[in-house]
Amino acid sequence: MTTNPTSTEPDDAFHVFDTTLRDGAQREGINLTVADKLSIARYLDEFGVGFIEGGWPGANPRDTEFFARASREIDFRHAQLVAFGSTRRAGAKAAQDPQVKGLVESGAPVVTVVAKSHDRHVELALRTTLDENLEMIRDTVSYLREQGRRVFVDCEHFFDGYRANPKYALTVVRTAADAGADVVVLCDTNGGMLPAQVLDVVSAVKRETGARLGMHAQDDSGCAVANTLAAVDGGATHVQCTANGYGERVGNCNLFPVVAALELKYDRRVLPAGALAEMTRISHAVAEVVNLAPSTHQPYVGVSAFAHKGGLHASAIKVDPDLYQHIDPAVVGNTMRMLVSDMAGRASVELKGKELGFDLSADRDLVGRVVARVKERELQGYSYEAADASFELMLRAEVEGSAPSYFRTESWRAIVEDRPDGSHANEATVKLCAKGERIVATGEGNGPVNALDLALRAGLERIYPQLTSLRLTDYKVRILEGRHGTESTTRVLITTSDGGAEWSTVGVGENVIAASWYALADAYTYGLLRAGVEPADG
């Protein structure tokens, strides 16, 4: 790629085009408000993509309002706003087509026009002739160019159309380019292509037409990222993606692995300087806006993307992290994590201890005890790979002789009362000792675990006001395989936040309430430890 040596910005030689607000919003379960779209647009511009496709103005009031507000409320620093629409109707003129006029009235400096490139779609879906389809493309692109708009043309179902009638598909590309389209985008609309096929087709189209080409890949075959990179290998200089791969059916090409591969593997400048280090944060921020949990195993940005569990891996990473990591996670704003489980060896525990601030390398006996303790506890049903806070408390108990203690439990109980009207009452009572004081507290909640949580808070918040900032953000229950029928062991994982960070704790018991109590006790103990509160005997 060509870059401007006097600028920190990528130049126009390669485009990163984001369509989260249009194509990504078609994912099942995503329903974006105008405010949501404005928030995501700000994040994408901050990340440094070159183009943000905002939607189809005129097609629905929400997209029309988005374009009106975006032009007033967002000062785009890196991206240009793109309006999406279609070629004019058959038999009409682009200058009189209301849909085409809506694209101009949106005020967007760039317009993407979707056009048919598969002969069968022209005849069956548009119900017009192949020649008229070409004229629709030519007229629409020419008119938008006359209105001062930059135009990209999305050739829908291009790869299927090229397979069925390569001569016509190539004519569509030439027509769009000759009419003034800056980029002709080859769309794998059904998502069924494979990388070798994409490389062959894109290379051939580039050779035959000389047009500037882009790639739009759906992920139905699980190859959208690979297909997009194959298109780049074939000569494409424009890639269309969505944040976190959101999109219809199984999704679109994922923006983040594509830009990371281009920057780190292809050595292409496609983002502003320093933007790649913000990638993990941007990915998670967009996930929050669309109200979907971030994928833990997403490449580059997932919380597990650089997590290591096997003892063999840990031994190698202790020598050199590059032995089991393809990049330094900090480059994309992520971190390496060591998972401690019954697969752990000494190296895993040493590295995890170092991550938590403990140098265990000089005490082989201590490391051996921790490894044995982990294996023993996991045999009982505990899982420390997803409960770092509980592991740290256990590690501190081994290193310091005892775990930090802020209260002592005398007893607890939870009662569920079924009433004749079908309603339920959930009440819990806890008896504790903290700072030499005996405490009896009760709580009523929408379930026995919630009641237990509220009772524990009621008993401790007066003595430890730091607990008022803690919130339970996730709660998971798993019934482990039992040996005595219904007497199965239960494991509970709780995630807690203090507004600045999150941590997870684990509890195992003969029932869900007992397991929840142990996880809750660890969660609040760790929260007080994080807050810098000095441990106090009960």
Protein backbone atom coordinates (compact mmCIF):
# COMPACT_ATOMS: atom_id res chain seq x y z
CA MET A 1 0.00 0.00 0.00
CA THR A 2 1.10 3.54 -0.66
CA THR A 3 1.24 5.80 2.38
CA ASN A 4 1.81 9.49 2.80
CA PRO A 5 5.10 9.77 4.72
CA THR A 6 4.12 13.17 6.19
CA SER A 7 0.80 11.93 7.61
CA THR A 8 -0.26 9.51 10.33
CA GLU A 9 -3.42 8.76 8.33
CA PRO A 10 -3.76 6.02 5.70
CA ASP A 11 -4.25 7.45 2.23
CA ASP A 12 -6.87 6.48 -0.34
CA ALA A 13 -4.92 3.58 -1.84
CA PHE A 14 -6.65 1.05 0.44
CA HIS A 15 -10.13 1.31 1.95
CA VAL A 16 -11.46 -0.14 5.20
CA PHE A 17 -15.22 0.15 4.78
CA ASP A 18 -17.50 -0.64 7.74
CA THR A 19 -21.14 -1.62 7.27
CA THR A 20 -22.08 -2.46 10.88
CA LEU A 21 -24.86 0.16 10.90
CA ARG A 22 -26.43 -1.24 7.74
CA ASP A 23 -25.56 -4.87 7.04
CA GLY A 24 -24.49 -5.67 10.60
CA ALA A 25 -27.79 -4.36 11.96
CA GLN A 26 -29.58 -7.14 10.07
CA ARG A 27 -28.32 -9.71 12.57
CA GLU A 28 -31.08 -11.49 14.48
CA GLY A 29 -31.29 -9.98 17.96
CA ILE A 30 -29.88 -6.57 17.05
CA ASN A 31 -32.30 -3.64 17.00
CA LEU A 32 -30.43 -0.34 16.92
CA THR A 33 -31.96 2.98 17.88
CA VAL A 34 -30.72 6.19 16.28
CA ALA A 35 -28.77 6.90 19.49
CA ASP A 36 -27.18 3.44 19.25
CA LYS A 37 -26.14 4.07 15.65
CA LEU A 38 -24.62 7.42 16.55
CA SER A 39 -22.64 5.82 19.39
CA ILE A 40 -21.31 3.04 17.16
CA ALA A 41 -20.42 5.54 14.43
CA ARG A 42 -18.33 7.49 16.95
CA TYR A 43 -16.49 4.35 18.01
CA LEU A 44 -15.81 3.33 14.40
CA ASP A 45 -14.54 6.80 13.53
CA GLU A 46 -12.33 6.75 16.62
CA PHE A 47 -10.96 3.39 15.50
CA GLY A 48 -10.06 4.94 12.18
CA VAL A 49 -12.04 3.13 9.49
CA GLY A 50 -12.20 5.06 6.25
CA PHE A 51 -15.92 4.70 5.51
CA ILE A 52 -19.00 4.12 7.67
CA GLU A 53 -22.11 2.95 5.86
CA GLY A 54 -24.92 4.40 7.93
CA GLY A 55 -27.96 2.78 6.36
CA TRP A 56 -30.53 3.40 3.62
CA PRO A 57 -31.88 6.96 3.89
CA GLY A 58 -35.49 7.19 2.81
CA ALA A 59 -36.08 3.47 3.29
CA ASN A 60 -37.12 3.97 6.92
CA PRO A 61 -37.46 6.96 9.27
CA ARG A 62 -34.68 5.72 11.57
CA ASP A 63 -32.00 5.75 8.89
CA THR A 64 -33.20 9.09 7.55
CA GLU A 65 -32.97 10.58 11.05
CA PHE A 66 -29.54 9.04 11.57
CA PHE A 67 -28.06 10.81 8.55
CA ALA A 68 -29.64 14.11 9.56
CA ARG A 69 -28.30 13.87 13.11
CA ALA A 70 -24.89 12.41 12.22
CA SER A 71 -24.06 15.40 10.03
CA ARG A 72 -24.87 17.75 12.93
CA GLU A 73 -23.69 15.77 15.95
CA ILE A 74 -20.54 13.92 14.85
CA ASP A 75 -17.33 15.61 13.85
CA PHE A 76 -15.83 12.76 11.83
CA ARG A 77 -12.05 12.78 12.18
CA HIS A 78 -11.18 9.73 10.10
CA ALA A 79 -14.25 8.29 8.39
CA GLN A 80 -16.58 9.47 5.64
CA LEU A 81 -20.27 8.75 6.01
CA VAL A 82 -21.78 6.51 3.32
CA ALA A 83 -25.42 6.25 2.26
CA PHE A 84 -26.63 2.94 0.87
CA GLY A 85 -29.25 2.51 -1.83
CA SER A 86 -30.13 0.80 -5.06
CA THR A 87 -29.92 1.53 -8.74
CA ARG A 88 -32.93 3.33 -10.19
CA ARG A 89 -36.03 1.42 -11.11
CA ALA A 90 -36.35 -0.19 -14.52
CA GLY A 91 -37.83 2.13 -17.10
CA ALA A 92 -37.31 5.27 -15.00
CA LYS A 93 -34.64 7.96 -14.86
CA ALA A 94 -32.23 8.27 -11.97
CA ALA A 95 -32.86 12.02 -11.69
CA GLN A 96 -36.57 11.38 -11.04
CA ASP A 97 -36.24 8.23 -8.91
CA PRO A 98 -37.32 9.09 -5.31
CA GLN A 99 -34.99 6.50 -3.82
CA VAL A 100 -31.96 7.87 -5.70
CA LYS A 101 -32.92 11.44 -4.78
CA GLY A 102 -33.05 10.33 -1.13
CA LEU A 103 -29.42 9.28 -1.36
CA VAL A 104 -28.46 12.75 -2.52
CA GLU A 105 -30.62 14.46 0.10
CA SER A 106 -28.97 12.46 2.87
CA GLY A 107 -25.96 14.74 2.53
CA ALA A 108 -23.56 11.80 2.66
CA PRO A 109 -20.44 12.48 0.58
CA VAL A 110 -20.23 8.84 -0.51
CA VAL A 111 -22.97 6.57 -1.85
CA THR A 112 -22.97 2.80 -2.21
CA VAL A 113 -25.32 1.53 -4.88
CA VAL A 114 -26.27 -2.14 -4.95
CA ALA A 115 -26.65 -3.58 -8.44
CA LYS A 116 -27.52 -6.95 -9.89
CA SER A 117 -24.64 -8.83 -11.50
CA HIS A 118 -26.21 -12.29 -11.77
CA ASP A 119 -28.20 -12.62 -14.99
CA ARG A 120 -30.80 -14.87 -13.39
CA HIS A 121 -31.45 -12.33 -10.63
CA VAL A 122 -31.89 -9.60 -13.23
CA GLU A 123 -34.54 -11.55 -15.09
CA LEU A 124 -36.34 -13.13 -12.11
CA ALA A 125 -35.95 -10.57 -9.29
CA LEU A 126 -35.81 -7.27 -11.20
CA ARG A 127 -38.01 -8.64 -14.01
CA THR A 128 -36.17 -6.67 -16.64
CA THR A 129 -33.70 -7.28 -19.43
CA LEU A 130 -29.96 -7.65 -19.09
CA ASP A 131 -29.43 -4.50 -21.18
CA GLU A 132 -31.83 -2.45 -19.07
CA ASN A 133 -30.00 -3.56 -15.91
CA LEU A 134 -26.78 -2.19 -17.40
CA GLU A 135 -28.52 1.08 -18.23
CA MET A 136 -29.87 1.28 -14.65
CA ILE A 137 -26.32 1.00 -13.34
CA ARG A 138 -24.91 3.50 -15.85
CA ASP A 139 -27.65 6.08 -15.30
CA THR A 140 -27.61 5.86 -11.49
CA VAL A 141 -23.84 6.07 -11.12
CA SER A 142 -23.58 8.91 -13.65
CA TYR A 143 -26.32 10.92 -11.96
CA LEU A 144 -24.81 10.53 -8.48
CA ARG A 145 -21.41 11.57 -9.85
CA GLU A 146 -23.00 14.64 -11.40
CA GLN A 147 -24.37 15.48 -7.94
CA GLY A 148 -20.83 15.48 -6.57
CA ARG A 149 -21.03 12.13 -4.82
CA ARG A 150 -18.30 9.52 -4.71
CA VAL A 151 -19.86 6.20 -5.77
CA PHE A 152 -19.13 2.59 -4.87
CA VAL A 153 -21.13 -0.15 -6.60
CA ASP A 154 -21.91 -3.40 -4.75
CA CYS A 155 -22.32 -6.19 -7.30
CA GLU A 156 -24.79 -8.44 -5.52
CA HIS A 157 -24.35 -12.22 -5.93
CA PHE A 158 -21.30 -11.52 -8.09
CA PHE A 159 -19.50 -14.82 -7.58
CA ASP A 160 -22.61 -16.88 -8.35
CA GLY A 161 -23.26 -14.66 -11.36
CA TYR A 162 -19.69 -15.00 -12.58
CA ARG A 163 -19.94 -18.77 -12.36
CA ALA A 164 -23.23 -18.79 -14.32
CA ASN A 165 -22.41 -16.13 -16.92
CA PRO A 166 -18.90 -14.68 -16.63
CA LYS A 167 -19.28 -12.49 -19.72
CA TYR A 168 -22.29 -10.65 -18.30
CA ALA A 169 -20.80 -10.33 -14.80
CA LEU A 170 -17.67 -8.74 -16.28
CA THR A 171 -19.83 -6.38 -18.35
CA VAL A 172 -21.54 -5.20 -15.15
CA VAL A 173 -18.15 -4.40 -13.63
CA ARG A 174 -17.01 -2.49 -16.74
CA THR A 175 -20.29 -0.59 -16.94
CA ALA A 176 -20.08 0.58 -13.34
CA ALA A 177 -16.43 1.60 -13.66
CA ASP A 178 -16.95 3.41 -16.97
CA ALA A 179 -19.90 5.33 -15.49
CA GLY A 180 -17.66 6.71 -12.76
CA ALA A 181 -17.80 4.24 -9.86
CA ASP A 182 -14.61 4.60 -7.83
CA VAL A 183 -14.80 1.01 -6.59
CA VAL A 184 -16.72 -1.99 -7.87
CA VAL A 185 -17.33 -4.35 -4.97
CA LEU A 186 -17.63 -8.08 -5.65
CA CYS A 187 -20.17 -9.49 -3.19
CA ASP A 188 -20.31 -13.08 -1.97
CA THR A 189 -23.90 -12.50 -0.96
CA ASN A 190 -24.67 -16.13 -0.14
CA GLY A 191 -21.39 -16.59 1.72
CA GLY A 192 -20.62 -19.85 -0.01
CA MET A 193 -17.25 -19.15 -1.58
CA LEU A 194 -13.87 -20.54 -0.51
CA PRO A 195 -10.57 -18.64 -0.50
CA ALA A 196 -8.97 -20.31 -3.52
CA GLN A 197 -12.11 -19.62 -5.56
CA VAL A 198 -12.20 -15.98 -4.48
CA LEU A 199 -8.54 -15.52 -5.39
CA ASP A 200 -9.09 -16.96 -8.85
CA VAL A 201 -12.18 -14.86 -9.59
CA VAL A 202 -10.88 -11.55 -8.23
CA SER A 203 -7.59 -11.99 -10.08
CA ALA A 204 -9.44 -12.70 -13.32
CA VAL A 205 -11.84 -9.76 -12.92
CA LYS A 206 -8.95 -7.42 -12.15
CA ARG A 207 -7.06 -8.66 -15.19
CA GLU A 208 -10.05 -8.48 -17.54
CA THR A 209 -11.51 -5.12 -16.47
CA GLY A 210 -8.76 -3.07 -14.85
CA ALA A 211 -11.39 -1.70 -12.44
CA ARG A 212 -10.63 -0.91 -8.81
CA LEU A 213 -12.19 -3.82 -6.90
CA GLY A 214 -13.54 -4.35 -3.43
CA MET A 215 -14.73 -7.41 -1.50
CA HIS A 216 -17.88 -7.97 0.52
CA ALA A 217 -18.02 -11.43 2.13
CA GLN A 218 -20.73 -13.12 4.15
CA ASP A 219 -19.61 -15.87 6.54
CA ASP A 220 -21.96 -18.74 5.69
CA SER A 221 -19.05 -21.06 4.86
CA GLY A 222 -17.00 -19.81 7.82
CA CYS A 223 -14.50 -18.25 5.42
CA ALA A 224 -15.45 -14.54 5.28
CA VAL A 225 -12.18 -13.27 6.74
CA ALA A 226 -10.09 -15.69 4.67
CA ASN A 227 -12.11 -14.85 1.56
CA THR A 228 -11.58 -11.14 2.11
CA LEU A 229 -7.83 -11.57 2.49
CA ALA A 230 -7.79 -13.81 -0.59
CA ALA A 231 -9.49 -10.99 -2.50
CA VAL A 232 -6.74 -8.63 -1.34
CA ASP A 233 -4.20 -11.14 -2.64
CA GLY A 234 -6.08 -11.04 -5.95
CA GLY A 235 -5.88 -7.26 -6.22
CA ALA A 236 -8.82 -5.88 -4.22
CA THR A 237 -8.03 -2.61 -2.44
CA HIS A 238 -11.35 -2.10 -0.63
CA VAL A 239 -12.69 -4.43 2.10
CA GLN A 240 -16.21 -4.30 3.54
CA CYS A 241 -16.64 -5.61 7.08
CA THR A 242 -18.72 -5.29 10.24
CA ALA A 243 -17.64 -4.93 13.85
CA ASN A 244 -17.44 -8.35 15.53
CA GLY A 245 -18.76 -9.95 12.33
CA TYR A 246 -22.37 -8.92 12.98
CA GLY A 247 -24.74 -9.53 10.09
CA GLU A 248 -27.58 -11.51 8.63
CA ARG A 249 -27.66 -15.30 9.06
CA VAL A 250 -24.24 -16.29 10.47
CA GLY A 251 -22.79 -12.83 9.90
CA ASN A 252 -20.43 -10.77 7.78
CA CYS A 253 -16.69 -10.53 7.47
CA ASN A 254 -15.32 -9.50 10.87
CA LEU A 255 -13.66 -6.08 10.79
CA PHE A 256 -11.14 -6.73 13.56
CA PRO A 257 -9.27 -9.82 12.31
CA VAL A 258 -9.15 -8.30 8.84
CA VAL A 259 -7.54 -5.01 9.86
CA ALA A 260 -5.21 -6.81 12.29
CA ALA A 261 -4.09 -9.18 9.52
CA LEU A 262 -3.60 -6.32 7.07
CA GLU A 263 -1.55 -4.27 9.54
CA LEU A 264 0.41 -7.07 11.22
CA LYS A 265 0.66 -9.79 8.58
CA TYR A 266 0.52 -7.81 5.32
CA ASP A 267 2.35 -4.78 6.69
CA ARG A 268 -0.26 -2.42 5.21
CA ARG A 269 -1.15 0.87 6.90
CA VAL A 270 -4.96 0.81 6.97
CA LEU A 271 -5.60 2.58 10.31
CA PRO A 272 -4.27 5.79 11.84
CA ALA A 273 -1.11 5.43 13.89
CA GLY A 274 -1.83 3.92 17.31
CA ALA A 275 -5.40 2.88 16.50
CA LEU A 276 -4.72 -0.86 16.45
CA ALA A 277 -3.95 -0.80 20.18
CA GLU A 278 -7.55 0.35 20.76
CA MET A 279 -9.08 -2.58 18.87
CA THR A 280 -10.06 -4.75 21.84
CA ARG A 281 -11.68 -1.79 23.61
CA ILE A 282 -13.61 -0.74 20.49
CA SER A 283 -14.81 -4.30 19.88
CA HIS A 284 -16.17 -4.62 23.41
CA ALA A 285 -17.66 -1.13 23.38
CA VAL A 286 -19.66 -1.88 20.22
CA ALA A 287 -20.82 -5.17 21.76
CA GLU A 288 -22.12 -3.23 24.76
CA VAL A 289 -24.10 -0.86 22.53
CA VAL A 290 -25.78 -3.69 20.60
CA ASN A 291 -26.37 -5.49 23.93
CA LEU A 292 -24.62 -8.72 22.98
CA ALA A 293 -21.98 -10.34 25.16
CA PRO A 294 -18.54 -10.05 23.53
CA SER A 295 -17.38 -13.33 22.03
CA THR A 296 -14.77 -14.67 24.43
CA HIS A 297 -13.02 -16.67 21.71
CA GLN A 298 -12.97 -14.04 18.96
CA PRO A 299 -9.52 -13.76 17.34
CA TYR A 300 -7.32 -10.92 18.55
CA VAL A 301 -9.92 -9.22 20.80
CA GLY A 302 -11.59 -12.07 22.72
CA VAL A 303 -10.79 -12.43 26.40
CA SER A 304 -9.58 -15.96 25.62
CA ALA A 305 -7.61 -15.01 22.50
CA PHE A 306 -4.33 -15.15 24.43
CA ALA A 307 -5.38 -17.44 27.30
CA HIS A 308 -3.22 -20.49 27.99
CA LYS A 309 -4.33 -23.54 29.93
CA GLY A 310 -2.14 -26.51 29.06
CA GLY A 311 0.91 -27.10 31.23
CA LEU A 312 3.08 -27.74 28.16
CA HIS A 313 2.11 -24.35 26.74
CA ALA A 314 2.84 -22.63 30.04
CA SER A 315 6.30 -24.17 30.23
CA ALA A 316 7.15 -22.81 26.79
CA ILE A 317 5.59 -19.39 27.46
CA LYS A 318 7.68 -19.09 30.60
CA VAL A 319 10.75 -19.24 28.35
CA ASP A 320 9.36 -17.06 25.55
CA PRO A 321 5.70 -15.97 25.10
CA ASP A 322 6.19 -15.90 21.31
CA LEU A 323 6.49 -19.69 21.29
CA TYR A 324 2.69 -20.02 21.65
CA GLN A 325 1.43 -16.58 20.61
CA HIS A 326 1.33 -15.33 17.03
CA ILE A 327 1.52 -11.66 18.14
CA ASP A 328 2.10 -9.63 21.28
CA PRO A 329 -1.47 -9.18 22.62
CA ALA A 330 -0.69 -5.62 23.73
CA VAL A 331 -0.44 -4.61 20.05
CA VAL A 332 -4.23 -5.04 19.74
CA GLY A 333 -5.03 -3.87 23.26
CA ASN A 334 -5.45 -7.34 24.72
CA THR A 335 -3.54 -9.22 27.42
CA MET A 336 -2.12 -12.69 27.93
CA ARG A 337 -3.89 -14.76 30.58
CA MET A 338 -2.77 -17.93 32.30
CA LEU A 339 -5.59 -20.29 33.18
CA VAL A 340 -5.15 -22.52 36.20
CA SER A 341 -6.92 -25.88 36.06
CA ASP A 342 -6.28 -29.55 36.71
CA MET A 343 -4.17 -29.44 33.53
CA ALA A 344 -1.84 -26.95 35.21
CA GLY A 345 1.78 -27.67 35.90
CA ARG A 346 4.36 -25.73 37.85
CA ALA A 347 4.94 -23.26 35.01
CA SER A 348 1.21 -22.40 34.83
CA VAL A 349 1.09 -21.63 38.53
CA GLU A 350 4.32 -19.63 38.46
CA LEU A 351 3.13 -17.51 35.54
CA LYS A 352 -0.31 -17.00 37.05
CA GLY A 353 1.30 -16.03 40.34
CA LYS A 354 3.49 -13.50 38.53
CA GLU A 355 0.39 -12.12 36.80
CA LEU A 356 -1.16 -11.61 40.26
CA GLY A 357 1.97 -10.05 41.73
CA PHE A 358 3.61 -13.06 43.42
CA ASP A 359 7.08 -14.31 42.54
CA LEU A 360 6.92 -18.06 43.18
CA SER A 361 9.97 -19.08 41.16
CA ALA A 362 12.22 -19.59 44.21
CA ASP A 363 9.84 -21.78 46.21
CA ARG A 364 9.34 -25.13 44.51
CA ASP A 365 7.57 -26.63 47.53
CA LEU A 366 5.01 -23.82 47.54
CA VAL A 367 4.36 -24.20 43.82
CA GLY A 368 3.96 -27.94 44.28
CA ARG A 369 1.41 -27.40 47.07
CA VAL A 370 -0.60 -24.98 44.94
CA VAL A 371 -0.60 -27.36 41.97
CA ALA A 372 -1.76 -30.22 44.20
CA ARG A 373 -4.43 -28.00 45.78
CA VAL A 374 -5.78 -26.96 42.39
CA LYS A 375 -6.00 -30.54 41.18
CA GLU A 376 -7.69 -31.64 44.41
CA ARG A 377 -10.23 -28.81 44.28
CA GLU A 378 -11.03 -29.32 40.60
CA LEU A 379 -11.68 -32.98 41.35
CA GLN A 380 -14.33 -31.76 43.79
CA GLY A 381 -15.93 -29.65 41.05
CA TYR A 382 -14.18 -26.28 41.29
CA SER A 383 -13.07 -24.51 38.10
CA TYR A 384 -10.36 -21.90 38.54
CA GLU A 385 -9.75 -21.13 34.89
CA ALA A 386 -12.90 -18.96 34.95
CA ALA A 387 -12.52 -17.77 38.55
CA ASP A 388 -9.30 -15.80 38.92
CA ALA A 389 -10.43 -14.12 42.13
CA SER A 390 -11.07 -17.40 43.93
CA PHE A 391 -7.71 -18.69 42.73
CA GLU A 392 -5.95 -15.60 44.06
CA LEU A 393 -7.59 -16.04 47.47
CA MET A 394 -6.46 -19.67 47.54
CA LEU A 395 -2.96 -18.66 46.42
CA ARG A 396 -2.74 -16.02 49.14
CA ALA A 397 -3.73 -18.62 51.71
CA GLU A 398 -0.77 -20.75 50.63
CA VAL A 399 1.70 -17.85 50.31
CA GLU A 400 0.69 -15.88 53.40
CA GLY A 401 -0.45 -18.74 55.62
CA SER A 402 -4.13 -17.78 55.51
CA ALA A 403 -6.59 -16.19 53.12
CA PRO A 404 -7.63 -12.59 53.82
CA SER A 405 -10.63 -12.62 56.15
CA TYR A 406 -13.12 -9.82 56.76
CA PHE A 407 -15.96 -11.75 58.36
CA ARG A 408 -16.69 -15.13 59.86
CA THR A 409 -19.87 -17.02 59.03
CA GLU A 410 -21.80 -18.43 61.94
CA SER A 411 -24.74 -19.67 59.86
CA TRP A 412 -27.02 -18.83 56.99
CA ARG A 413 -30.35 -20.06 55.68
CA ALA A 414 -32.69 -19.34 52.78
CA ILE A 415 -36.43 -19.98 52.72
CA VAL A 416 -38.72 -20.20 49.70
CA GLU A 417 -42.41 -19.90 50.54
CA ASP A 418 -45.09 -20.89 48.01
CA ARG A 419 -48.35 -19.02 48.52
CA PRO A 420 -51.89 -20.10 47.56
CA ASP A 421 -52.14 -17.35 44.94
CA GLY A 422 -49.12 -18.77 43.10
CA SER A 423 -46.68 -16.12 44.26
CA HIS A 424 -43.45 -16.84 46.10
CA ALA A 425 -41.60 -15.26 49.00
CA ASN A 426 -37.83 -15.63 49.22
CA GLU A 427 -36.18 -14.74 52.50
CA ALA A 428 -32.66 -15.30 53.81
CA THR A 429 -31.02 -14.86 57.21
CA VAL A 430 -27.28 -14.68 57.83
CA LYS A 431 -25.41 -14.67 61.14
CA LEU A 432 -21.90 -13.23 60.93
CA CYS A 433 -19.06 -11.91 63.04
CA ALA A 434 -17.09 -8.90 61.71
CA LYS A 435 -14.62 -6.72 63.58
CA GLY A 436 -15.63 -8.33 66.86
CA GLU A 437 -19.33 -7.65 66.31
CA ARG A 438 -22.01 -10.33 65.95
CA ILE A 439 -24.43 -9.50 63.15
CA VAL A 440 -27.82 -10.97 62.27
CA ALA A 441 -29.30 -9.70 59.00
CA THR A 442 -32.17 -10.67 56.72
CA GLY A 443 -32.98 -10.03 53.10
CA GLU A 444 -35.92 -10.54 50.76
CA GLY A 445 -35.27 -11.05 47.06
CA ASN A 446 -36.72 -12.32 43.82
CA GLY A 447 -35.08 -15.68 44.46
CA PRO A 448 -33.30 -17.44 47.31
CA VAL A 449 -29.83 -16.54 46.03
CA ASN A 450 -30.79 -12.89 45.57
CA ALA A 451 -32.23 -12.89 49.10
CA LEU A 452 -28.98 -14.36 50.43
CA ASP A 453 -26.96 -11.71 48.60
CA LEU A 454 -29.12 -8.92 50.01
CA ALA A 455 -28.90 -10.32 53.54
CA LEU A 456 -25.09 -10.51 53.31
CA ARG A 457 -24.97 -6.92 52.08
CA ALA A 458 -27.33 -5.74 54.79
CA GLY A 459 -25.11 -7.30 57.42
CA LEU A 460 -21.78 -6.01 56.16
CA GLU A 461 -22.29 -2.67 54.40
CA ARG A 462 -22.46 -0.69 57.66
CA ILE A 463 -19.06 -2.04 58.67
CA TYR A 464 -17.61 -2.13 55.14
CA PRO A 465 -19.19 0.74 53.14
CA GLN A 466 -16.91 -0.19 50.20
CA LEU A 467 -19.37 -2.98 49.41
CA THR A 468 -22.01 -0.47 48.25
CA SER A 469 -20.19 -0.07 44.91
CA LEU A 470 -20.20 -3.82 44.18
CA ARG A 471 -22.68 -5.27 41.70
CA LEU A 472 -23.19 -8.84 40.56
CA THR A 473 -22.99 -8.74 36.76
CA ASP A 474 -23.20 -12.42 35.84
CA TYR A 475 -24.33 -15.63 37.48
CA LYS A 476 -23.91 -19.13 36.06
CA VAL A 477 -24.99 -22.49 37.47
CA ARG A 478 -23.82 -25.88 36.33
CA ILE A 479 -25.03 -29.19 37.70
CA LEU A 480 -22.05 -31.51 37.70
CA GLU A 481 -22.31 -35.22 37.08
CA GLY A 482 -23.43 -36.93 40.27
CA ARG A 483 -23.02 -40.44 41.56
CA HIS A 484 -26.16 -40.63 43.64
CA GLY A 485 -29.04 -39.63 41.39
CA THR A 486 -30.44 -36.28 42.49
CA GLU A 487 -27.54 -35.69 44.91
CA SER A 488 -25.46 -34.06 42.19
CA THR A 489 -22.83 -31.46 42.94
CA THR A 490 -23.55 -27.88 41.87
CA ARG A 491 -21.00 -25.31 40.70
CA VAL A 492 -21.76 -21.58 40.66
CA LEU A 493 -19.67 -18.91 38.94
CA ILE A 494 -20.32 -15.28 39.90
CA THR A 495 -18.93 -12.19 38.18
CA THR A 496 -18.79 -9.02 40.27
CA SER A 497 -17.93 -5.43 39.35
CA ASP A 498 -16.92 -2.41 41.38
CA GLY A 499 -17.51 -0.09 38.42
CA GLY A 500 -13.87 -0.16 37.38
CA ALA A 501 -13.08 -3.85 37.02
CA GLU A 502 -14.74 -7.25 37.09
CA TRP A 503 -13.69 -10.48 38.82
CA SER A 504 -15.09 -13.98 38.98
CA THR A 505 -15.45 -16.39 41.89
CA VAL A 506 -16.51 -20.01 42.14
CA GLY A 507 -18.44 -22.00 44.71
CA VAL A 508 -19.23 -25.71 44.84
CA GLY A 509 -21.82 -27.32 47.08
CA GLU A 510 -24.45 -29.95 47.46
CA ASN A 511 -27.10 -27.53 46.12
CA VAL A 512 -27.29 -24.26 44.23
CA ILE A 513 -27.80 -22.13 47.34
CA ALA A 514 -24.79 -23.53 49.17
CA ALA A 515 -22.60 -23.17 46.08
CA SER A 516 -23.86 -19.60 45.63
CA TRP A 517 -23.01 -18.72 49.23
CA TYR A 518 -19.38 -19.80 48.82
CA ALA A 519 -19.05 -17.86 45.55
CA LEU A 520 -20.66 -14.78 47.14
CA ALA A 521 -18.37 -14.91 50.16
CA ASP A 522 -15.32 -15.04 47.88
CA ALA A 523 -16.70 -12.22 45.70
CA TYR A 524 -17.11 -9.80 48.61
CA THR A 525 -13.85 -10.85 50.24
CA TYR A 526 -12.01 -10.15 47.00
CA GLY A 527 -13.87 -6.86 46.53
CA LEU A 528 -12.74 -5.65 49.94
CA LEU A 529 -9.19 -6.78 49.19
CA ARG A 530 -9.24 -4.82 45.91
CA ALA A 531 -10.53 -1.76 47.77
CA GLY A 532 -7.47 -1.86 50.02
CA VAL A 533 -9.37 -2.69 53.20
CA GLU A 534 -7.22 -4.28 55.89
CA PRO A 535 -8.39 -7.80 56.78
CA ALA A 536 -10.07 -8.07 60.19
CA ASP A 537 -10.77 -11.16 62.25
CA GLY A 538 -14.38 -12.02 62.79
